[in-house]
N, C-alpha and C. Protein backbone atom coordinates (compact mmCIF):
# COMPACT_ATOMS: atom_id res chain seq x y z
N UNK A 1 -135.82 18.06 -35.55
CA UNK A 1 -134.37 18.05 -35.74
C UNK A 1 -133.73 18.87 -34.63
N UNK A 2 -132.57 18.48 -34.23
CA UNK A 2 -131.82 19.15 -33.18
C UNK A 2 -131.20 20.44 -33.69
N UNK A 3 -130.88 21.32 -32.74
CA UNK A 3 -130.14 22.53 -33.05
C UNK A 3 -128.66 22.19 -32.95
N UNK A 4 -127.95 22.19 -34.08
CA UNK A 4 -126.59 21.66 -34.16
C UNK A 4 -125.58 22.77 -34.47
N UNK A 5 -124.44 22.69 -33.79
CA UNK A 5 -123.32 23.59 -34.04
C UNK A 5 -122.11 22.74 -34.40
N UNK A 6 -121.42 23.13 -35.47
CA UNK A 6 -120.17 22.45 -35.84
C UNK A 6 -119.04 23.45 -35.68
N UNK A 7 -118.08 23.11 -34.82
CA UNK A 7 -116.88 23.91 -34.60
C UNK A 7 -115.74 23.16 -35.26
N UNK A 8 -115.01 23.82 -36.16
CA UNK A 8 -114.02 23.07 -36.92
C UNK A 8 -112.72 23.83 -37.13
N UNK A 9 -111.67 23.04 -37.39
CA UNK A 9 -110.36 23.56 -37.80
C UNK A 9 -109.96 22.81 -39.06
N UNK A 10 -109.66 23.55 -40.12
CA UNK A 10 -109.28 22.92 -41.38
C UNK A 10 -108.21 23.78 -42.04
N UNK A 11 -107.10 23.13 -42.41
CA UNK A 11 -105.98 23.86 -43.02
C UNK A 11 -105.69 23.22 -44.38
N UNK A 12 -104.46 23.07 -44.74
CA UNK A 12 -103.92 22.51 -45.96
C UNK A 12 -104.88 22.40 -47.15
N UNK A 13 -105.58 21.31 -47.31
CA UNK A 13 -106.42 21.09 -48.50
C UNK A 13 -107.91 21.28 -48.22
N UNK A 14 -108.25 21.76 -47.04
CA UNK A 14 -109.64 22.02 -46.65
C UNK A 14 -110.51 20.76 -46.67
N UNK A 15 -109.89 19.61 -46.42
CA UNK A 15 -110.65 18.35 -46.38
C UNK A 15 -111.75 18.40 -45.33
N UNK A 16 -111.38 18.85 -44.13
CA UNK A 16 -112.36 18.89 -43.04
C UNK A 16 -113.46 19.89 -43.34
N UNK A 17 -113.09 21.03 -43.88
CA UNK A 17 -114.12 22.02 -44.21
C UNK A 17 -115.12 21.47 -45.23
N UNK A 18 -114.64 20.72 -46.21
CA UNK A 18 -115.54 20.12 -47.20
C UNK A 18 -116.55 19.19 -46.53
N UNK A 19 -116.07 18.37 -45.61
CA UNK A 19 -116.99 17.44 -44.93
C UNK A 19 -117.93 18.20 -44.01
N UNK A 20 -117.41 19.20 -43.32
CA UNK A 20 -118.23 20.00 -42.41
C UNK A 20 -119.36 20.68 -43.17
N UNK A 21 -119.07 21.24 -44.31
CA UNK A 21 -120.11 21.93 -45.10
C UNK A 21 -121.20 20.95 -45.52
N UNK A 22 -120.81 19.75 -45.92
CA UNK A 22 -121.81 18.74 -46.31
C UNK A 22 -122.66 18.30 -45.12
N UNK A 23 -122.00 18.04 -43.99
CA UNK A 23 -122.71 17.63 -42.78
C UNK A 23 -123.63 18.76 -42.31
N UNK A 24 -123.16 19.99 -42.39
CA UNK A 24 -123.96 21.14 -41.98
C UNK A 24 -125.23 21.25 -42.83
N UNK A 25 -125.11 21.04 -44.14
CA UNK A 25 -126.29 21.04 -45.01
C UNK A 25 -127.25 19.93 -44.61
N UNK A 26 -126.69 18.76 -44.34
CA UNK A 26 -127.51 17.59 -43.98
C UNK A 26 -128.26 17.81 -42.66
N UNK A 27 -127.59 18.43 -41.68
CA UNK A 27 -128.19 18.61 -40.35
C UNK A 27 -128.76 20.01 -40.12
N UNK A 28 -128.67 20.87 -41.14
CA UNK A 28 -129.08 22.27 -41.00
C UNK A 28 -128.36 22.91 -39.80
N UNK A 29 -127.05 22.73 -39.75
CA UNK A 29 -126.23 23.16 -38.62
C UNK A 29 -125.58 24.51 -38.86
N UNK A 30 -125.26 25.17 -37.77
CA UNK A 30 -124.46 26.38 -37.79
C UNK A 30 -122.99 25.95 -37.80
N UNK A 31 -122.16 26.63 -38.59
CA UNK A 31 -120.75 26.27 -38.74
C UNK A 31 -119.87 27.44 -38.31
N UNK A 32 -118.88 27.14 -37.45
CA UNK A 32 -117.95 28.17 -36.99
C UNK A 32 -116.53 27.62 -37.05
N UNK A 33 -115.63 28.38 -37.67
CA UNK A 33 -114.22 28.02 -37.70
C UNK A 33 -113.56 28.47 -36.41
N UNK A 34 -112.90 27.56 -35.71
CA UNK A 34 -112.21 27.92 -34.48
C UNK A 34 -110.94 28.72 -34.79
N UNK A 35 -110.54 28.75 -36.04
CA UNK A 35 -109.33 29.47 -36.44
C UNK A 35 -109.60 30.93 -36.76
N UNK A 36 -110.84 31.27 -37.09
CA UNK A 36 -111.12 32.61 -37.60
C UNK A 36 -112.26 33.34 -36.92
N UNK A 37 -112.98 32.69 -36.04
CA UNK A 37 -114.17 33.32 -35.46
C UNK A 37 -114.10 33.28 -33.94
N UNK A 38 -114.86 34.18 -33.27
CA UNK A 38 -114.84 34.19 -31.80
C UNK A 38 -115.58 32.99 -31.21
N UNK A 39 -115.30 32.72 -29.97
CA UNK A 39 -115.95 31.61 -29.25
C UNK A 39 -117.44 31.95 -29.12
N UNK A 40 -118.31 31.02 -29.54
CA UNK A 40 -119.75 31.29 -29.51
C UNK A 40 -120.38 30.90 -28.16
N UNK A 41 -121.59 31.37 -27.96
CA UNK A 41 -122.40 30.91 -26.84
C UNK A 41 -123.07 29.63 -27.31
N UNK A 42 -122.77 28.51 -26.68
CA UNK A 42 -123.30 27.23 -27.14
C UNK A 42 -124.55 26.79 -26.39
N UNK A 43 -125.06 27.63 -25.50
CA UNK A 43 -126.17 27.25 -24.62
C UNK A 43 -127.40 26.72 -25.36
N UNK A 44 -127.77 27.30 -26.47
CA UNK A 44 -129.01 26.89 -27.14
C UNK A 44 -128.82 25.77 -28.18
N UNK A 45 -127.62 25.22 -28.25
CA UNK A 45 -127.38 24.09 -29.18
C UNK A 45 -127.57 22.76 -28.46
N UNK A 46 -128.25 21.84 -29.13
CA UNK A 46 -128.48 20.50 -28.57
C UNK A 46 -127.28 19.59 -28.80
N UNK A 47 -126.57 19.82 -29.90
CA UNK A 47 -125.43 18.99 -30.28
C UNK A 47 -124.30 19.89 -30.76
N UNK A 48 -123.08 19.61 -30.26
CA UNK A 48 -121.90 20.32 -30.75
C UNK A 48 -120.97 19.28 -31.37
N UNK A 49 -120.70 19.44 -32.66
CA UNK A 49 -119.76 18.56 -33.36
C UNK A 49 -118.44 19.30 -33.47
N UNK A 50 -117.39 18.68 -32.95
CA UNK A 50 -116.05 19.22 -33.07
C UNK A 50 -115.38 18.52 -34.25
N UNK A 51 -114.81 19.28 -35.16
CA UNK A 51 -114.25 18.70 -36.38
C UNK A 51 -112.85 19.24 -36.64
N UNK A 52 -111.97 18.33 -37.09
CA UNK A 52 -110.59 18.72 -37.33
C UNK A 52 -109.92 17.78 -38.32
N UNK A 53 -108.96 18.34 -39.04
CA UNK A 53 -108.02 17.47 -39.72
C UNK A 53 -107.09 16.92 -38.66
N UNK A 54 -106.32 15.91 -39.01
CA UNK A 54 -105.34 15.35 -38.08
C UNK A 54 -103.97 15.89 -38.47
N UNK A 55 -103.32 16.51 -37.51
CA UNK A 55 -102.04 17.15 -37.71
C UNK A 55 -101.01 16.52 -36.77
N UNK A 56 -100.02 15.83 -37.32
CA UNK A 56 -99.01 15.14 -36.51
C UNK A 56 -99.69 14.24 -35.46
N UNK A 57 -100.69 13.49 -35.90
CA UNK A 57 -101.42 12.51 -35.10
C UNK A 57 -102.38 13.09 -34.06
N UNK A 58 -102.71 14.37 -34.16
CA UNK A 58 -103.60 15.01 -33.19
C UNK A 58 -104.59 15.93 -33.89
N UNK A 59 -105.72 16.17 -33.21
CA UNK A 59 -106.65 17.19 -33.67
C UNK A 59 -105.96 18.55 -33.53
N UNK A 60 -106.43 19.53 -34.27
CA UNK A 60 -105.82 20.86 -34.23
C UNK A 60 -105.83 21.41 -32.81
N UNK A 61 -104.72 22.01 -32.39
CA UNK A 61 -104.55 22.49 -31.02
C UNK A 61 -105.59 23.55 -30.64
N UNK A 62 -106.03 24.35 -31.60
CA UNK A 62 -107.03 25.38 -31.32
C UNK A 62 -108.38 24.74 -30.98
N UNK A 63 -108.72 23.65 -31.67
CA UNK A 63 -109.95 22.93 -31.37
C UNK A 63 -109.88 22.36 -29.96
N UNK A 64 -108.75 21.79 -29.59
CA UNK A 64 -108.57 21.24 -28.24
C UNK A 64 -108.73 22.34 -27.19
N UNK A 65 -108.18 23.53 -27.45
CA UNK A 65 -108.34 24.65 -26.53
C UNK A 65 -109.81 24.99 -26.32
N UNK A 66 -110.57 25.02 -27.40
CA UNK A 66 -111.99 25.34 -27.28
C UNK A 66 -112.71 24.27 -26.47
N UNK A 67 -112.39 23.00 -26.71
CA UNK A 67 -113.02 21.93 -25.93
C UNK A 67 -112.72 22.13 -24.44
N UNK A 68 -111.51 22.52 -24.12
CA UNK A 68 -111.11 22.70 -22.72
C UNK A 68 -111.84 23.87 -22.05
N UNK A 69 -112.32 24.83 -22.82
CA UNK A 69 -112.88 26.04 -22.22
C UNK A 69 -114.40 26.22 -22.39
N UNK A 70 -115.00 25.51 -23.30
CA UNK A 70 -116.44 25.65 -23.49
C UNK A 70 -117.20 24.92 -22.37
N UNK A 71 -118.38 25.42 -22.00
CA UNK A 71 -119.20 24.74 -20.98
C UNK A 71 -119.92 23.54 -21.61
N UNK A 72 -119.34 22.37 -21.47
CA UNK A 72 -119.85 21.18 -22.17
C UNK A 72 -120.62 20.21 -21.28
N UNK A 73 -120.74 20.51 -20.00
CA UNK A 73 -121.41 19.59 -19.09
C UNK A 73 -122.81 19.24 -19.59
N UNK A 74 -123.01 17.93 -19.80
CA UNK A 74 -124.28 17.36 -20.27
C UNK A 74 -124.67 17.79 -21.68
N UNK A 75 -123.77 18.44 -22.39
CA UNK A 75 -124.02 18.84 -23.78
C UNK A 75 -123.70 17.64 -24.67
N UNK A 76 -124.58 17.31 -25.59
CA UNK A 76 -124.32 16.21 -26.53
C UNK A 76 -123.20 16.64 -27.46
N UNK A 77 -122.15 15.78 -27.60
CA UNK A 77 -121.00 16.12 -28.43
C UNK A 77 -120.62 14.95 -29.35
N UNK A 78 -119.90 15.31 -30.40
CA UNK A 78 -119.42 14.33 -31.37
C UNK A 78 -118.10 14.85 -31.92
N UNK A 79 -117.26 13.94 -32.44
CA UNK A 79 -116.00 14.33 -33.06
C UNK A 79 -115.98 13.83 -34.49
N UNK A 80 -115.63 14.71 -35.41
CA UNK A 80 -115.52 14.40 -36.84
C UNK A 80 -114.09 14.75 -37.26
N UNK A 81 -113.45 13.86 -38.01
CA UNK A 81 -112.10 14.19 -38.46
C UNK A 81 -111.79 13.59 -39.82
N UNK A 82 -110.79 14.21 -40.47
CA UNK A 82 -110.27 13.71 -41.73
C UNK A 82 -108.78 13.45 -41.54
N UNK A 83 -108.29 12.44 -42.24
CA UNK A 83 -106.86 12.10 -42.15
C UNK A 83 -106.42 11.42 -43.44
N UNK A 84 -105.15 11.54 -43.74
CA UNK A 84 -104.63 10.91 -44.94
C UNK A 84 -104.70 9.39 -44.86
N UNK A 85 -104.33 8.87 -43.72
CA UNK A 85 -104.33 7.42 -43.49
C UNK A 85 -104.62 7.19 -42.03
N UNK A 86 -105.61 6.38 -41.75
CA UNK A 86 -105.99 6.12 -40.36
C UNK A 86 -105.20 4.91 -39.86
N UNK A 87 -104.11 5.17 -39.16
CA UNK A 87 -103.32 4.07 -38.62
C UNK A 87 -103.22 4.15 -37.10
N UNK A 88 -103.82 5.18 -36.51
CA UNK A 88 -103.90 5.32 -35.06
C UNK A 88 -105.35 5.62 -34.68
N UNK A 89 -105.64 5.50 -33.40
CA UNK A 89 -106.96 5.84 -32.89
C UNK A 89 -106.98 7.35 -32.63
N UNK A 90 -107.20 8.14 -33.67
CA UNK A 90 -107.11 9.59 -33.57
C UNK A 90 -108.20 10.19 -32.70
N UNK A 91 -109.32 9.52 -32.57
CA UNK A 91 -110.40 10.10 -31.77
C UNK A 91 -110.19 9.92 -30.27
N UNK A 92 -109.27 9.07 -29.87
CA UNK A 92 -109.08 8.74 -28.46
C UNK A 92 -108.86 9.98 -27.59
N UNK A 93 -107.94 10.85 -27.99
CA UNK A 93 -107.62 12.05 -27.20
C UNK A 93 -108.83 12.97 -27.06
N UNK A 94 -109.53 13.22 -28.15
CA UNK A 94 -110.69 14.11 -28.12
C UNK A 94 -111.83 13.48 -27.33
N UNK A 95 -112.07 12.19 -27.56
CA UNK A 95 -113.12 11.49 -26.82
C UNK A 95 -112.86 11.58 -25.32
N UNK A 96 -111.65 11.30 -24.92
CA UNK A 96 -111.28 11.35 -23.51
C UNK A 96 -111.53 12.74 -22.93
N UNK A 97 -111.13 13.76 -23.66
CA UNK A 97 -111.30 15.12 -23.19
C UNK A 97 -112.78 15.50 -23.09
N UNK A 98 -113.57 15.11 -24.08
CA UNK A 98 -115.01 15.41 -24.05
C UNK A 98 -115.69 14.71 -22.87
N UNK A 99 -115.27 13.49 -22.59
CA UNK A 99 -115.83 12.77 -21.44
C UNK A 99 -115.38 13.42 -20.13
N UNK A 100 -114.12 13.80 -20.03
CA UNK A 100 -113.61 14.50 -18.84
C UNK A 100 -114.38 15.80 -18.58
N UNK A 101 -114.78 16.47 -19.66
CA UNK A 101 -115.52 17.73 -19.56
C UNK A 101 -117.00 17.48 -19.25
N UNK A 102 -117.35 16.22 -19.03
CA UNK A 102 -118.72 15.81 -18.64
C UNK A 102 -119.75 16.03 -19.72
N UNK A 103 -119.30 16.01 -20.99
CA UNK A 103 -120.26 16.11 -22.08
C UNK A 103 -120.90 14.74 -22.30
N UNK A 104 -121.98 14.73 -23.03
CA UNK A 104 -122.64 13.49 -23.42
C UNK A 104 -122.08 13.10 -24.79
N UNK A 105 -120.92 12.44 -24.78
CA UNK A 105 -120.21 12.08 -26.02
C UNK A 105 -120.96 10.95 -26.72
N UNK A 106 -121.36 11.18 -27.97
CA UNK A 106 -122.15 10.18 -28.69
C UNK A 106 -121.35 9.39 -29.73
N UNK A 107 -120.10 9.81 -30.04
CA UNK A 107 -119.29 9.03 -30.97
C UNK A 107 -118.50 9.90 -31.92
N UNK A 108 -117.84 9.23 -32.86
CA UNK A 108 -117.02 9.94 -33.83
C UNK A 108 -117.23 9.38 -35.23
N UNK A 109 -116.90 10.20 -36.21
CA UNK A 109 -116.93 9.80 -37.62
C UNK A 109 -115.67 10.35 -38.28
N UNK A 110 -115.23 9.66 -39.30
CA UNK A 110 -114.03 10.13 -40.01
C UNK A 110 -114.09 9.68 -41.46
N UNK A 111 -113.23 10.31 -42.25
CA UNK A 111 -112.98 9.83 -43.59
C UNK A 111 -111.56 10.25 -43.98
N UNK A 112 -111.08 9.66 -45.03
CA UNK A 112 -109.75 10.02 -45.52
C UNK A 112 -109.82 11.37 -46.21
N UNK A 113 -108.68 12.03 -46.22
CA UNK A 113 -108.57 13.32 -46.89
C UNK A 113 -107.21 13.43 -47.55
N UNK A 114 -107.17 14.13 -48.66
CA UNK A 114 -105.93 14.33 -49.40
C UNK A 114 -104.87 14.91 -48.47
N UNK A 115 -103.69 14.29 -48.45
CA UNK A 115 -102.65 14.63 -47.49
C UNK A 115 -101.29 14.75 -48.19
N UNK A 116 -100.70 15.93 -48.09
CA UNK A 116 -99.36 16.16 -48.66
C UNK A 116 -98.41 16.69 -47.60
N UNK A 117 -98.68 16.37 -46.34
CA UNK A 117 -97.87 16.90 -45.25
C UNK A 117 -96.49 16.24 -45.22
N UNK A 118 -95.48 17.04 -44.91
CA UNK A 118 -94.12 16.53 -44.73
C UNK A 118 -93.59 15.83 -45.97
N UNK A 119 -93.05 14.65 -45.75
CA UNK A 119 -92.44 13.89 -46.84
C UNK A 119 -93.45 13.43 -47.89
N UNK A 120 -94.72 13.39 -47.54
CA UNK A 120 -95.74 12.96 -48.49
C UNK A 120 -95.80 13.86 -49.72
N UNK A 121 -95.41 15.11 -49.57
CA UNK A 121 -95.45 16.02 -50.72
C UNK A 121 -94.51 15.56 -51.83
N UNK A 122 -93.45 14.85 -51.47
CA UNK A 122 -92.47 14.40 -52.47
C UNK A 122 -92.99 13.23 -53.32
N UNK A 123 -94.02 12.56 -52.85
CA UNK A 123 -94.60 11.46 -53.62
C UNK A 123 -95.98 11.83 -54.16
N UNK A 124 -96.32 13.12 -54.07
CA UNK A 124 -97.61 13.58 -54.60
C UNK A 124 -98.77 13.43 -53.63
N UNK A 125 -98.46 13.03 -52.39
CA UNK A 125 -99.51 12.92 -51.38
C UNK A 125 -100.20 11.57 -51.38
N UNK A 126 -101.11 11.42 -50.44
CA UNK A 126 -101.93 10.20 -50.34
C UNK A 126 -103.39 10.60 -50.25
N UNK A 127 -104.24 9.64 -50.49
CA UNK A 127 -105.70 9.81 -50.44
C UNK A 127 -106.20 10.88 -51.40
N UNK A 128 -105.59 10.92 -52.59
CA UNK A 128 -106.04 11.86 -53.61
C UNK A 128 -107.51 11.60 -53.93
N UNK A 129 -108.24 12.67 -54.12
CA UNK A 129 -109.66 12.54 -54.45
C UNK A 129 -110.56 12.36 -53.24
N UNK A 130 -110.00 12.40 -52.06
CA UNK A 130 -110.80 12.28 -50.83
C UNK A 130 -110.78 13.61 -50.10
N UNK A 131 -111.85 13.95 -49.44
CA UNK A 131 -113.10 13.21 -49.32
C UNK A 131 -113.89 13.27 -50.63
N UNK A 132 -114.58 12.19 -50.92
CA UNK A 132 -115.39 12.11 -52.14
C UNK A 132 -116.85 11.87 -51.77
N UNK A 133 -117.69 11.70 -52.77
CA UNK A 133 -119.12 11.50 -52.52
C UNK A 133 -119.41 10.27 -51.66
N UNK A 134 -118.69 9.20 -51.91
CA UNK A 134 -118.88 7.99 -51.11
C UNK A 134 -118.52 8.25 -49.65
N UNK A 135 -117.43 8.97 -49.41
CA UNK A 135 -117.03 9.33 -48.05
C UNK A 135 -118.12 10.16 -47.37
N UNK A 136 -118.63 11.14 -48.09
CA UNK A 136 -119.66 12.03 -47.53
C UNK A 136 -120.92 11.24 -47.17
N UNK A 137 -121.30 10.33 -48.04
CA UNK A 137 -122.49 9.52 -47.80
C UNK A 137 -122.29 8.65 -46.55
N UNK A 138 -121.14 8.01 -46.43
CA UNK A 138 -120.86 7.18 -45.25
C UNK A 138 -120.88 8.00 -43.97
N UNK A 139 -120.30 9.20 -44.03
CA UNK A 139 -120.26 10.04 -42.83
C UNK A 139 -121.66 10.50 -42.41
N UNK A 140 -122.47 10.95 -43.34
CA UNK A 140 -123.81 11.39 -42.97
C UNK A 140 -124.63 10.23 -42.43
N UNK A 141 -124.48 9.05 -43.03
CA UNK A 141 -125.20 7.87 -42.52
C UNK A 141 -124.77 7.51 -41.10
N UNK A 142 -123.46 7.55 -40.85
CA UNK A 142 -122.98 7.21 -39.51
C UNK A 142 -123.45 8.24 -38.49
N UNK A 143 -123.41 9.51 -38.84
CA UNK A 143 -123.91 10.53 -37.92
C UNK A 143 -125.38 10.30 -37.61
N UNK A 144 -126.18 10.01 -38.63
CA UNK A 144 -127.60 9.72 -38.42
C UNK A 144 -127.78 8.55 -37.46
N UNK A 145 -126.98 7.49 -37.64
CA UNK A 145 -127.07 6.32 -36.76
C UNK A 145 -126.68 6.68 -35.33
N UNK A 146 -125.59 7.42 -35.16
CA UNK A 146 -125.15 7.81 -33.81
C UNK A 146 -126.21 8.67 -33.12
N UNK A 147 -126.82 9.58 -33.85
CA UNK A 147 -127.85 10.44 -33.26
C UNK A 147 -129.10 9.64 -32.92
N UNK A 148 -129.44 8.69 -33.75
CA UNK A 148 -130.60 7.84 -33.47
C UNK A 148 -130.34 7.00 -32.22
N UNK A 149 -129.17 6.41 -32.14
CA UNK A 149 -128.82 5.60 -30.97
C UNK A 149 -128.82 6.45 -29.71
N UNK A 150 -128.23 7.65 -29.78
CA UNK A 150 -128.16 8.50 -28.58
C UNK A 150 -129.54 8.97 -28.15
N UNK A 151 -130.45 9.17 -29.10
CA UNK A 151 -131.81 9.56 -28.77
C UNK A 151 -132.57 8.41 -28.14
N UNK A 152 -132.37 7.20 -28.66
CA UNK A 152 -133.05 6.03 -28.13
C UNK A 152 -132.54 5.62 -26.75
N UNK A 153 -131.32 6.02 -26.41
CA UNK A 153 -130.75 5.68 -25.10
C UNK A 153 -131.34 6.52 -23.98
N UNK A 154 -132.08 7.54 -24.32
CA UNK A 154 -132.65 8.44 -23.29
C UNK A 154 -133.96 7.92 -22.79
């Protein structure tokens, strides 16, 4: 198994943190919040998963800052995110940045998450009950597939 680090930003309902904790258990990964912990030395990690909720159609700005400053050249990377409703290609910005930073980007995974941001709070929010067990199972399976594909490509 690879040495995995998950760097994440999760606010409001902790949707992303819930998924990160499950993925971390599945991959035996180290987990660091970009909102509360110092920037780590990533040299000994084989895979770095960046994880965020989607805020106003973007990954958290602190996560983006870390991507811009970490030494990612040839480092295997992945993006994980949660959102109330996926109506845009939310991974595009992060994927582009990870590729620009010369990382070995292997893909992204996402699931819905309970969302009460802005006007949604007046209707009780959307995606209640997410992420759920089915979401977690789909995410871990997709991560396993992406890692298998990236390993076979070498």
